[in-house]
Amino acid sequence: TDYIPYEIAADTMERLLKEEILTD
């Protein structure tokens, strides 16, 4: 496995949810 650390993943999702995109 080579994963994105959860802190970075959470911060990034928080950032992306402000944009007019579809993200998962």
mmCIF file of all heavy atoms, coordinates in Angstrom:
data_MODEL
# 
_entry.id   MODEL 
# 
loop_
_atom_site.group_PDB 
_atom_site.id 
_atom_site.type_symbol 
_atom_site.label_atom_id 
_atom_site.label_alt_id 
_atom_site.label_comp_id 
_atom_site.label_asym_id 
_atom_site.label_entity_id 
_atom_site.label_seq_id 
_atom_site.pdbx_PDB_ins_code 
_atom_site.Cartn_x 
_atom_site.Cartn_y 
_atom_site.Cartn_z 
_atom_site.occupancy 
_atom_site.B_iso_or_equiv 
_atom_site.pdbx_formal_charge 
_atom_site.auth_seq_id 
_atom_site.auth_comp_id 
_atom_site.auth_asym_id 
_atom_site.auth_atom_id 
_atom_site.pdbx_PDB_model_num 
ATOM 1   N N   . THR A 1 1  ? 0.840   -1.196 0.000  1.00 0.00 ? 1  THR A N   1 
ATOM 2   C CA  . THR A 1 1  ? 0.000   0.000  0.000  1.00 0.00 ? 1  THR A CA  1 
ATOM 3   C C   . THR A 1 1  ? 0.878   1.250  0.000  1.00 0.00 ? 1  THR A C   1 
ATOM 4   O O   . THR A 1 1  ? 2.001   1.233  0.508  1.00 0.00 ? 1  THR A O   1 
ATOM 5   C CB  . THR A 1 1  ? -0.926  0.065  1.229  1.00 0.00 ? 1  THR A CB  1 
ATOM 6   O OG1 . THR A 1 1  ? -0.135  0.069  2.420  1.00 0.00 ? 1  THR A OG1 1 
ATOM 7   C CG2 . THR A 1 1  ? -1.885  -1.117 1.258  1.00 0.00 ? 1  THR A CG2 1 
ATOM 8   N N   . ASP A 1 2  ? 0.351   2.323  -0.577 1.00 0.00 ? 2  ASP A N   1 
ATOM 9   C CA  . ASP A 1 2  ? 1.010   3.629  -0.561 1.00 0.00 ? 2  ASP A CA  1 
ATOM 10  C C   . ASP A 1 2  ? -0.097  4.675  -0.487 1.00 0.00 ? 2  ASP A C   1 
ATOM 11  O O   . ASP A 1 2  ? -0.602  5.138  -1.506 1.00 0.00 ? 2  ASP A O   1 
ATOM 12  C CB  . ASP A 1 2  ? 1.876   3.812  -1.811 1.00 0.00 ? 2  ASP A CB  1 
ATOM 13  C CG  . ASP A 1 2  ? 2.775   5.041  -1.728 1.00 0.00 ? 2  ASP A CG  1 
ATOM 14  O OD1 . ASP A 1 2  ? 2.585   5.845  -0.801 1.00 0.00 ? 2  ASP A OD1 1 
ATOM 15  O OD2 . ASP A 1 2  ? 3.652   5.185  -2.604 1.00 0.00 ? 2  ASP A OD2 1 
ATOM 16  N N   . TYR A 1 3  ? -0.484  5.031  0.736  1.00 0.00 ? 3  TYR A N   1 
ATOM 17  C CA  . TYR A 1 3  ? -1.681  5.818  0.974  1.00 0.00 ? 3  TYR A CA  1 
ATOM 18  C C   . TYR A 1 3  ? -1.377  7.286  1.282  1.00 0.00 ? 3  TYR A C   1 
ATOM 19  O O   . TYR A 1 3  ? -0.275  7.633  1.728  1.00 0.00 ? 3  TYR A O   1 
ATOM 20  C CB  . TYR A 1 3  ? -2.465  5.246  2.159  1.00 0.00 ? 3  TYR A CB  1 
ATOM 21  C CG  . TYR A 1 3  ? -3.128  3.903  1.910  1.00 0.00 ? 3  TYR A CG  1 
ATOM 22  C CD1 . TYR A 1 3  ? -3.653  3.174  2.971  1.00 0.00 ? 3  TYR A CD1 1 
ATOM 23  C CD2 . TYR A 1 3  ? -3.252  3.369  0.630  1.00 0.00 ? 3  TYR A CD2 1 
ATOM 24  C CE1 . TYR A 1 3  ? -4.283  1.956  2.764  1.00 0.00 ? 3  TYR A CE1 1 
ATOM 25  C CE2 . TYR A 1 3  ? -3.870  2.157  0.419  1.00 0.00 ? 3  TYR A CE2 1 
ATOM 26  C CZ  . TYR A 1 3  ? -4.383  1.445  1.488  1.00 0.00 ? 3  TYR A CZ  1 
ATOM 27  O OH  . TYR A 1 3  ? -5.008  0.251  1.264  1.00 0.00 ? 3  TYR A OH  1 
ATOM 28  N N   . ILE A 1 4  ? -2.389  8.121  1.084  1.00 0.00 ? 4  ILE A N   1 
ATOM 29  C CA  . ILE A 1 4  ? -2.352  9.515  1.525  1.00 0.00 ? 4  ILE A CA  1 
ATOM 30  C C   . ILE A 1 4  ? -2.647  9.541  3.023  1.00 0.00 ? 4  ILE A C   1 
ATOM 31  O O   . ILE A 1 4  ? -3.685  9.018  3.449  1.00 0.00 ? 4  ILE A O   1 
ATOM 32  C CB  . ILE A 1 4  ? -3.411  10.352 0.782  1.00 0.00 ? 4  ILE A CB  1 
ATOM 33  C CG1 . ILE A 1 4  ? -3.227  10.243 -0.736 1.00 0.00 ? 4  ILE A CG1 1 
ATOM 34  C CG2 . ILE A 1 4  ? -3.377  11.807 1.237  1.00 0.00 ? 4  ILE A CG2 1 
ATOM 35  C CD1 . ILE A 1 4  ? -4.433  10.721 -1.521 1.00 0.00 ? 4  ILE A CD1 1 
ATOM 36  N N   . PRO A 1 5  ? -1.768  10.114 3.872  1.00 0.00 ? 5  PRO A N   1 
ATOM 37  C CA  . PRO A 1 5  ? -2.047  10.157 5.315  1.00 0.00 ? 5  PRO A CA  1 
ATOM 38  C C   . PRO A 1 5  ? -3.383  10.842 5.606  1.00 0.00 ? 5  PRO A C   1 
ATOM 39  O O   . PRO A 1 5  ? -3.784  11.785 4.911  1.00 0.00 ? 5  PRO A O   1 
ATOM 40  C CB  . PRO A 1 5  ? -0.876  10.972 5.873  1.00 0.00 ? 5  PRO A CB  1 
ATOM 41  C CG  . PRO A 1 5  ? 0.230   10.773 4.875  1.00 0.00 ? 5  PRO A CG  1 
ATOM 42  C CD  . PRO A 1 5  ? -0.456  10.705 3.540  1.00 0.00 ? 5  PRO A CD  1 
ATOM 43  N N   . TYR A 1 6  ? -4.067  10.346 6.629  1.00 0.00 ? 6  TYR A N   1 
ATOM 44  C CA  . TYR A 1 6  ? -5.442  10.776 6.853  1.00 0.00 ? 6  TYR A CA  1 
ATOM 45  C C   . TYR A 1 6  ? -5.561  12.266 7.122  1.00 0.00 ? 6  TYR A C   1 
ATOM 46  O O   . TYR A 1 6  ? -6.545  12.903 6.723  1.00 0.00 ? 6  TYR A O   1 
ATOM 47  C CB  . TYR A 1 6  ? -6.086  9.959  7.978  1.00 0.00 ? 6  TYR A CB  1 
ATOM 48  C CG  . TYR A 1 6  ? -5.678  10.331 9.384  1.00 0.00 ? 6  TYR A CG  1 
ATOM 49  C CD1 . TYR A 1 6  ? -6.370  11.299 10.101 1.00 0.00 ? 6  TYR A CD1 1 
ATOM 50  C CD2 . TYR A 1 6  ? -4.599  9.695  10.007 1.00 0.00 ? 6  TYR A CD2 1 
ATOM 51  C CE1 . TYR A 1 6  ? -6.004  11.634 11.397 1.00 0.00 ? 6  TYR A CE1 1 
ATOM 52  C CE2 . TYR A 1 6  ? -4.228  10.026 11.292 1.00 0.00 ? 6  TYR A CE2 1 
ATOM 53  C CZ  . TYR A 1 6  ? -4.922  10.992 11.989 1.00 0.00 ? 6  TYR A CZ  1 
ATOM 54  O OH  . TYR A 1 6  ? -4.550  11.326 13.265 1.00 0.00 ? 6  TYR A OH  1 
ATOM 55  N N   . GLU A 1 7  ? -4.577  12.867 7.797  1.00 0.00 ? 7  GLU A N   1 
ATOM 56  C CA  . GLU A 1 7  ? -4.664  14.300 8.075  1.00 0.00 ? 7  GLU A CA  1 
ATOM 57  C C   . GLU A 1 7  ? -4.662  15.104 6.780  1.00 0.00 ? 7  GLU A C   1 
ATOM 58  O O   . GLU A 1 7  ? -5.440  16.047 6.608  1.00 0.00 ? 7  GLU A O   1 
ATOM 59  C CB  . GLU A 1 7  ? -3.488  14.761 8.950  1.00 0.00 ? 7  GLU A CB  1 
ATOM 60  C CG  . GLU A 1 7  ? -3.352  14.017 10.266 1.00 0.00 ? 7  GLU A CG  1 
ATOM 61  C CD  . GLU A 1 7  ? -2.307  12.910 10.176 1.00 0.00 ? 7  GLU A CD  1 
ATOM 62  O OE1 . GLU A 1 7  ? -2.202  12.289 9.087  1.00 0.00 ? 7  GLU A OE1 1 
ATOM 63  O OE2 . GLU A 1 7  ? -1.609  12.688 11.178 1.00 0.00 ? 7  GLU A OE2 1 
ATOM 64  N N   . ILE A 1 8  ? -3.788  14.711 5.845  1.00 0.00 ? 8  ILE A N   1 
ATOM 65  C CA  . ILE A 1 8  ? -3.706  15.387 4.553  1.00 0.00 ? 8  ILE A CA  1 
ATOM 66  C C   . ILE A 1 8  ? -4.967  15.115 3.736  1.00 0.00 ? 8  ILE A C   1 
ATOM 67  O O   . ILE A 1 8  ? -5.508  16.011 3.077  1.00 0.00 ? 8  ILE A O   1 
ATOM 68  C CB  . ILE A 1 8  ? -2.443  14.930 3.794  1.00 0.00 ? 8  ILE A CB  1 
ATOM 69  C CG1 . ILE A 1 8  ? -1.193  15.374 4.560  1.00 0.00 ? 8  ILE A CG1 1 
ATOM 70  C CG2 . ILE A 1 8  ? -2.431  15.468 2.368  1.00 0.00 ? 8  ILE A CG2 1 
ATOM 71  C CD1 . ILE A 1 8  ? 0.095   14.796 4.019  1.00 0.00 ? 8  ILE A CD1 1 
ATOM 72  N N   . ALA A 1 9  ? -5.457  13.883 3.789  1.00 0.00 ? 9  ALA A N   1 
ATOM 73  C CA  . ALA A 1 9  ? -6.676  13.532 3.057  1.00 0.00 ? 9  ALA A CA  1 
ATOM 74  C C   . ALA A 1 9  ? -7.861  14.354 3.552  1.00 0.00 ? 9  ALA A C   1 
ATOM 75  O O   . ALA A 1 9  ? -8.644  14.892 2.748  1.00 0.00 ? 9  ALA A O   1 
ATOM 76  C CB  . ALA A 1 9  ? -6.959  12.042 3.216  1.00 0.00 ? 9  ALA A CB  1 
ATOM 77  N N   . ALA A 1 10 ? -8.012  14.477 4.869  1.00 0.00 ? 10 ALA A N   1 
ATOM 78  C CA  . ALA A 1 10 ? -9.136  15.232 5.434  1.00 0.00 ? 10 ALA A CA  1 
ATOM 79  C C   . ALA A 1 10 ? -9.030  16.713 5.078  1.00 0.00 ? 10 ALA A C   1 
ATOM 80  O O   . ALA A 1 10 ? -10.021 17.345 4.677  1.00 0.00 ? 10 ALA A O   1 
ATOM 81  C CB  . ALA A 1 10 ? -9.178  15.047 6.947  1.00 0.00 ? 10 ALA A CB  1 
ATOM 82  N N   . ASP A 1 11 ? -7.847  17.285 5.227  1.00 0.00 ? 11 ASP A N   1 
ATOM 83  C CA  . ASP A 1 11 ? -7.653  18.701 4.898  1.00 0.00 ? 11 ASP A CA  1 
ATOM 84  C C   . ASP A 1 11 ? -7.937  18.955 3.415  1.00 0.00 ? 11 ASP A C   1 
ATOM 85  O O   . ASP A 1 11 ? -8.528  19.978 3.046  1.00 0.00 ? 11 ASP A O   1 
ATOM 86  C CB  . ASP A 1 11 ? -6.218  19.135 5.217  1.00 0.00 ? 11 ASP A CB  1 
ATOM 87  C CG  . ASP A 1 11 ? -5.936  19.204 6.709  1.00 0.00 ? 11 ASP A CG  1 
ATOM 88  O OD1 . ASP A 1 11 ? -6.902  19.155 7.500  1.00 0.00 ? 11 ASP A OD1 1 
ATOM 89  O OD2 . ASP A 1 11 ? -4.745  19.298 7.078  1.00 0.00 ? 11 ASP A OD2 1 
ATOM 90  N N   . THR A 1 12 ? -7.515  18.029 2.564  1.00 0.00 ? 12 THR A N   1 
ATOM 91  C CA  . THR A 1 12 ? -7.717  18.197 1.124  1.00 0.00 ? 12 THR A CA  1 
ATOM 92  C C   . THR A 1 12 ? -9.188  18.103 0.760  1.00 0.00 ? 12 THR A C   1 
ATOM 93  O O   . THR A 1 12 ? -9.696  18.892 -0.056 1.00 0.00 ? 12 THR A O   1 
ATOM 94  C CB  . THR A 1 12 ? -6.904  17.144 0.353  1.00 0.00 ? 12 THR A CB  1 
ATOM 95  O OG1 . THR A 1 12 ? -5.528  17.263 0.699  1.00 0.00 ? 12 THR A OG1 1 
ATOM 96  C CG2 . THR A 1 12 ? -7.055  17.338 -1.150 1.00 0.00 ? 12 THR A CG2 1 
ATOM 97  N N   . MET A 1 13 ? -9.900  17.157 1.341  1.00 0.00 ? 13 MET A N   1 
ATOM 98  C CA  . MET A 1 13 ? -11.331 17.051 1.073  1.00 0.00 ? 13 MET A CA  1 
ATOM 99  C C   . MET A 1 13 ? -12.054 18.311 1.552  1.00 0.00 ? 13 MET A C   1 
ATOM 100 O O   . MET A 1 13 ? -12.967 18.806 0.877  1.00 0.00 ? 13 MET A O   1 
ATOM 101 C CB  . MET A 1 13 ? -11.919 15.817 1.745  1.00 0.00 ? 13 MET A CB  1 
ATOM 102 C CG  . MET A 1 13 ? -11.485 14.500 1.133  1.00 0.00 ? 13 MET A CG  1 
ATOM 103 S SD  . MET A 1 13 ? -11.787 14.384 -0.651 1.00 0.00 ? 13 MET A SD  1 
ATOM 104 C CE  . MET A 1 13 ? -13.568 14.527 -0.728 1.00 0.00 ? 13 MET A CE  1 
ATOM 105 N N   . GLU A 1 14 ? -11.645 18.841 2.682  1.00 0.00 ? 14 GLU A N   1 
ATOM 106 C CA  . GLU A 1 14 ? -12.240 20.078 3.187  1.00 0.00 ? 14 GLU A CA  1 
ATOM 107 C C   . GLU A 1 14 ? -12.029 21.208 2.178  1.00 0.00 ? 14 GLU A C   1 
ATOM 108 O O   . GLU A 1 14 ? -12.939 22.001 1.911  1.00 0.00 ? 14 GLU A O   1 
ATOM 109 C CB  . GLU A 1 14 ? -11.598 20.432 4.535  1.00 0.00 ? 14 GLU A CB  1 
ATOM 110 C CG  . GLU A 1 14 ? -12.474 21.246 5.448  1.00 0.00 ? 14 GLU A CG  1 
ATOM 111 C CD  . GLU A 1 14 ? -11.998 21.144 6.891  1.00 0.00 ? 14 GLU A CD  1 
ATOM 112 O OE1 . GLU A 1 14 ? -10.809 21.462 7.138  1.00 0.00 ? 14 GLU A OE1 1 
ATOM 113 O OE2 . GLU A 1 14 ? -12.793 20.729 7.751  1.00 0.00 ? 14 GLU A OE2 1 
ATOM 114 N N   . ARG A 1 15 ? -10.843 21.259 1.616  1.00 0.00 ? 15 ARG A N   1 
ATOM 115 C CA  . ARG A 1 15 ? -10.518 22.272 0.594  1.00 0.00 ? 15 ARG A CA  1 
ATOM 116 C C   . ARG A 1 15 ? -11.370 22.068 -0.658 1.00 0.00 ? 15 ARG A C   1 
ATOM 117 O O   . ARG A 1 15 ? -11.938 23.018 -1.207 1.00 0.00 ? 15 ARG A O   1 
ATOM 118 C CB  . ARG A 1 15 ? -9.020  22.160 0.267  1.00 0.00 ? 15 ARG A CB  1 
ATOM 119 C CG  . ARG A 1 15 ? -8.571  22.713 -1.079 1.00 0.00 ? 15 ARG A CG  1 
ATOM 120 C CD  . ARG A 1 15 ? -8.413  24.210 -1.047 1.00 0.00 ? 15 ARG A CD  1 
ATOM 121 N NE  . ARG A 1 15 ? -8.008  24.723 -2.346 1.00 0.00 ? 15 ARG A NE  1 
ATOM 122 C CZ  . ARG A 1 15 ? -8.857  25.046 -3.323 1.00 0.00 ? 15 ARG A CZ  1 
ATOM 123 N NH1 . ARG A 1 15 ? -10.172 24.886 -3.144 1.00 0.00 ? 15 ARG A NH1 1 
ATOM 124 N NH2 . ARG A 1 15 ? -8.413  25.528 -4.473 1.00 0.00 ? 15 ARG A NH2 1 
ATOM 125 N N   . LEU A 1 16 ? -11.479 20.843 -1.127 1.00 0.00 ? 16 LEU A N   1 
ATOM 126 C CA  . LEU A 1 16 ? -12.158 20.573 -2.390 1.00 0.00 ? 16 LEU A CA  1 
ATOM 127 C C   . LEU A 1 16 ? -13.672 20.740 -2.301 1.00 0.00 ? 16 LEU A C   1 
ATOM 128 O O   . LEU A 1 16 ? -14.319 21.083 -3.285 1.00 0.00 ? 16 LEU A O   1 
ATOM 129 C CB  . LEU A 1 16 ? -11.825 19.160 -2.866 1.00 0.00 ? 16 LEU A CB  1 
ATOM 130 C CG  . LEU A 1 16 ? -10.368 18.935 -3.282 1.00 0.00 ? 16 LEU A CG  1 
ATOM 131 C CD1 . LEU A 1 16 ? -10.129 17.469 -3.614 1.00 0.00 ? 16 LEU A CD1 1 
ATOM 132 C CD2 . LEU A 1 16 ? -10.000 19.820 -4.471 1.00 0.00 ? 16 LEU A CD2 1 
ATOM 133 N N   . LEU A 1 17 ? -14.234 20.498 -1.132 1.00 0.00 ? 17 LEU A N   1 
ATOM 134 C CA  . LEU A 1 17 ? -15.681 20.623 -0.971 1.00 0.00 ? 17 LEU A CA  1 
ATOM 135 C C   . LEU A 1 17 ? -16.155 22.072 -1.093 1.00 0.00 ? 17 LEU A C   1 
ATOM 136 O O   . LEU A 1 17 ? -17.365 22.330 -1.192 1.00 0.00 ? 17 LEU A O   1 
ATOM 137 C CB  . LEU A 1 17 ? -16.114 20.029 0.370  1.00 0.00 ? 17 LEU A CB  1 
ATOM 138 C CG  . LEU A 1 17 ? -16.062 18.491 0.442  1.00 0.00 ? 17 LEU A CG  1 
ATOM 139 C CD1 . LEU A 1 17 ? -16.283 17.999 1.866  1.00 0.00 ? 17 LEU A CD1 1 
ATOM 140 C CD2 . LEU A 1 17 ? -17.075 17.866 -0.511 1.00 0.00 ? 17 LEU A CD2 1 
ATOM 141 N N   . LYS A 1 18 ? -15.231 23.011 -1.129 1.00 0.00 ? 18 LYS A N   1 
ATOM 142 C CA  . LYS A 1 18 ? -15.581 24.422 -1.331 1.00 0.00 ? 18 LYS A CA  1 
ATOM 143 C C   . LYS A 1 18 ? -15.714 24.773 -2.811 1.00 0.00 ? 18 LYS A C   1 
ATOM 144 O O   . LYS A 1 18 ? -16.185 25.855 -3.152 1.00 0.00 ? 18 LYS A O   1 
ATOM 145 C CB  . LYS A 1 18 ? -14.514 25.313 -0.682 1.00 0.00 ? 18 LYS A CB  1 
ATOM 146 C CG  . LYS A 1 18 ? -14.391 25.155 0.825  1.00 0.00 ? 18 LYS A CG  1 
ATOM 147 C CD  . LYS A 1 18 ? -13.238 25.981 1.372  1.00 0.00 ? 18 LYS A CD  1 
ATOM 148 C CE  . LYS A 1 18 ? -13.081 25.779 2.875  1.00 0.00 ? 18 LYS A CE  1 
ATOM 149 N NZ  . LYS A 1 18 ? -11.915 26.531 3.427  1.00 0.00 ? 18 LYS A NZ  1 
ATOM 150 N N   . GLU A 1 19 ? -15.261 23.858 -3.682 1.00 0.00 ? 19 GLU A N   1 
ATOM 151 C CA  . GLU A 1 19 ? -15.281 24.107 -5.112 1.00 0.00 ? 19 GLU A CA  1 
ATOM 152 C C   . GLU A 1 19 ? -16.524 23.494 -5.766 1.00 0.00 ? 19 GLU A C   1 
ATOM 153 O O   . GLU A 1 19 ? -17.131 22.568 -5.232 1.00 0.00 ? 19 GLU A O   1 
ATOM 154 C CB  . GLU A 1 19 ? -14.027 23.521 -5.770 1.00 0.00 ? 19 GLU A CB  1 
ATOM 155 C CG  . GLU A 1 19 ? -12.714 24.070 -5.229 1.00 0.00 ? 19 GLU A CG  1 
ATOM 156 C CD  . GLU A 1 19 ? -12.452 25.499 -5.683 1.00 0.00 ? 19 GLU A CD  1 
ATOM 157 O OE1 . GLU A 1 19 ? -13.197 26.025 -6.540 1.00 0.00 ? 19 GLU A OE1 1 
ATOM 158 O OE2 . GLU A 1 19 ? -11.481 26.099 -5.176 1.00 0.00 ? 19 GLU A OE2 1 
ATOM 159 N N   . GLU A 1 20 ? -16.867 24.001 -6.944 1.00 0.00 ? 20 GLU A N   1 
ATOM 160 C CA  . GLU A 1 20 ? -18.013 23.476 -7.683 1.00 0.00 ? 20 GLU A CA  1 
ATOM 161 C C   . GLU A 1 20 ? -17.562 22.289 -8.541 1.00 0.00 ? 20 GLU A C   1 
ATOM 162 O O   . GLU A 1 20 ? -17.471 22.358 -9.766 1.00 0.00 ? 20 GLU A O   1 
ATOM 163 C CB  . GLU A 1 20 ? -18.628 24.574 -8.547 1.00 0.00 ? 20 GLU A CB  1 
ATOM 164 C CG  . GLU A 1 20 ? -19.296 25.668 -7.725 1.00 0.00 ? 20 GLU A CG  1 
ATOM 165 C CD  . GLU A 1 20 ? -20.043 26.662 -8.580 1.00 0.00 ? 20 GLU A CD  1 
ATOM 166 O OE1 . GLU A 1 20 ? -20.202 26.413 -9.800 1.00 0.00 ? 20 GLU A OE1 1 
ATOM 167 O OE2 . GLU A 1 20 ? -20.479 27.684 -8.043 1.00 0.00 ? 20 GLU A OE2 1 
ATOM 168 N N   . ILE A 1 21 ? -17.270 21.196 -7.856 1.00 0.00 ? 21 ILE A N   1 
ATOM 169 C CA  . ILE A 1 21 ? -16.823 19.958 -8.495 1.00 0.00 ? 21 ILE A CA  1 
ATOM 170 C C   . ILE A 1 21 ? -17.529 18.783 -7.828 1.00 0.00 ? 21 ILE A C   1 
ATOM 171 O O   . ILE A 1 21 ? -18.178 18.938 -6.791 1.00 0.00 ? 21 ILE A O   1 
ATOM 172 C CB  . ILE A 1 21 ? -15.284 19.772 -8.377 1.00 0.00 ? 21 ILE A CB  1 
ATOM 173 C CG1 . ILE A 1 21 ? -14.868 19.664 -6.905 1.00 0.00 ? 21 ILE A CG1 1 
ATOM 174 C CG2 . ILE A 1 21 ? -14.542 20.892 -9.062 1.00 0.00 ? 21 ILE A CG2 1 
ATOM 175 C CD1 . ILE A 1 21 ? -13.395 19.354 -6.706 1.00 0.00 ? 21 ILE A CD1 1 
ATOM 176 N N   . LEU A 1 22 ? -17.395 17.626 -8.442 1.00 0.00 ? 22 LEU A N   1 
ATOM 177 C CA  . LEU A 1 22 ? -17.857 16.385 -7.828 1.00 0.00 ? 22 LEU A CA  1 
ATOM 178 C C   . LEU A 1 22 ? -16.611 15.637 -7.377 1.00 0.00 ? 22 LEU A C   1 
ATOM 179 O O   . LEU A 1 22 ? -15.766 15.278 -8.200 1.00 0.00 ? 22 LEU A O   1 
ATOM 180 C CB  . LEU A 1 22 ? -18.643 15.550 -8.826 1.00 0.00 ? 22 LEU A CB  1 
ATOM 181 C CG  . LEU A 1 22 ? -19.298 14.269 -8.292 1.00 0.00 ? 22 LEU A CG  1 
ATOM 182 C CD1 . LEU A 1 22 ? -20.357 14.599 -7.241 1.00 0.00 ? 22 LEU A CD1 1 
ATOM 183 C CD2 . LEU A 1 22 ? -19.915 13.473 -9.428 1.00 0.00 ? 22 LEU A CD2 1 
ATOM 184 N N   . THR A 1 23 ? -16.467 15.435 -6.082 1.00 0.00 ? 23 THR A N   1 
ATOM 185 C CA  . THR A 1 23 ? -15.259 14.808 -5.563 1.00 0.00 ? 23 THR A CA  1 
ATOM 186 C C   . THR A 1 23 ? -15.601 13.682 -4.600 1.00 0.00 ? 23 THR A C   1 
ATOM 187 O O   . THR A 1 23 ? -16.600 13.743 -3.875 1.00 0.00 ? 23 THR A O   1 
ATOM 188 C CB  . THR A 1 23 ? -14.351 15.847 -4.867 1.00 0.00 ? 23 THR A CB  1 
ATOM 189 O OG1 . THR A 1 23 ? -13.136 15.227 -4.425 1.00 0.00 ? 23 THR A OG1 1 
ATOM 190 C CG2 . THR A 1 23 ? -15.049 16.486 -3.678 1.00 0.00 ? 23 THR A CG2 1 
ATOM 191 N N   . ASP A 1 24 ? -14.789 12.632 -4.627 1.00 0.00 ? 24 ASP A N   1 
ATOM 192 C CA  . ASP A 1 24 ? -14.955 11.514 -3.699 1.00 0.00 ? 24 ASP A CA  1 
ATOM 193 C C   . ASP A 1 24 ? -13.580 10.973 -3.334 1.00 0.00 ? 24 ASP A C   1 
ATOM 194 O O   . ASP A 1 24 ? -12.560 11.419 -3.871 1.00 0.00 ? 24 ASP A O   1 
ATOM 195 C CB  . ASP A 1 24 ? -15.855 10.423 -4.280 1.00 0.00 ? 24 ASP A CB  1 
ATOM 196 C CG  . ASP A 1 24 ? -15.502 10.055 -5.713 1.00 0.00 ? 24 ASP A CG  1 
ATOM 197 O OD1 . ASP A 1 24 ? -14.304 9.923  -6.009 1.00 0.00 ? 24 ASP A OD1 1 
ATOM 198 O OD2 . ASP A 1 24 ? -16.411 9.898  -6.541 1.00 0.00 ? 24 ASP A OD2 1 
# 
